[in-house]
Amino acid sequence: SDPLLWEDISFAEPLPPPGVWRPSPPLRFDISAARIDANEKVYYDELRREGAKEEEARAVAGGAAHGLSGVALWPRLVLDPKGDIVVESRGPRGEGQKSHWQTVLVLLAPRPVPVAA
């Protein structure tokens, strides 16, 4: 699925008034067959590049591409009101960046859950 905004916190704004907390609307993460296939190929190619045997790479890549274990979260810190000073822990579509900020993985199940498009 494409990245979605989970939570937006402004430390420069006043705190909200006391009262009942209202959660954000539910997020919808769409899983497409094309993205599953593309990810399986990326996983397979990377495993082969790292020296995994073909049979092992196919099994691991297929399991990873067709399984859901959690949701990756990464902070984007806007450090000034104009938005000129920004610390990106990942790119806008989750691309790796050189940063000391860690990606947080929220586990959804003790073992990966099979998914299909």
Foldseek 3Di string as FASTA:
>chain_A
DFDDDQDDDDPVDDDDDDDDDDHDPDDDDDDDPVQLVVQLVVQLVVCVVVPDDNVVSNVVSNDVSFWDFWDKAFDWDQDDPVSPDIDGCAPNRRHHDPDPTDIDTDTDDPDTDGHDD
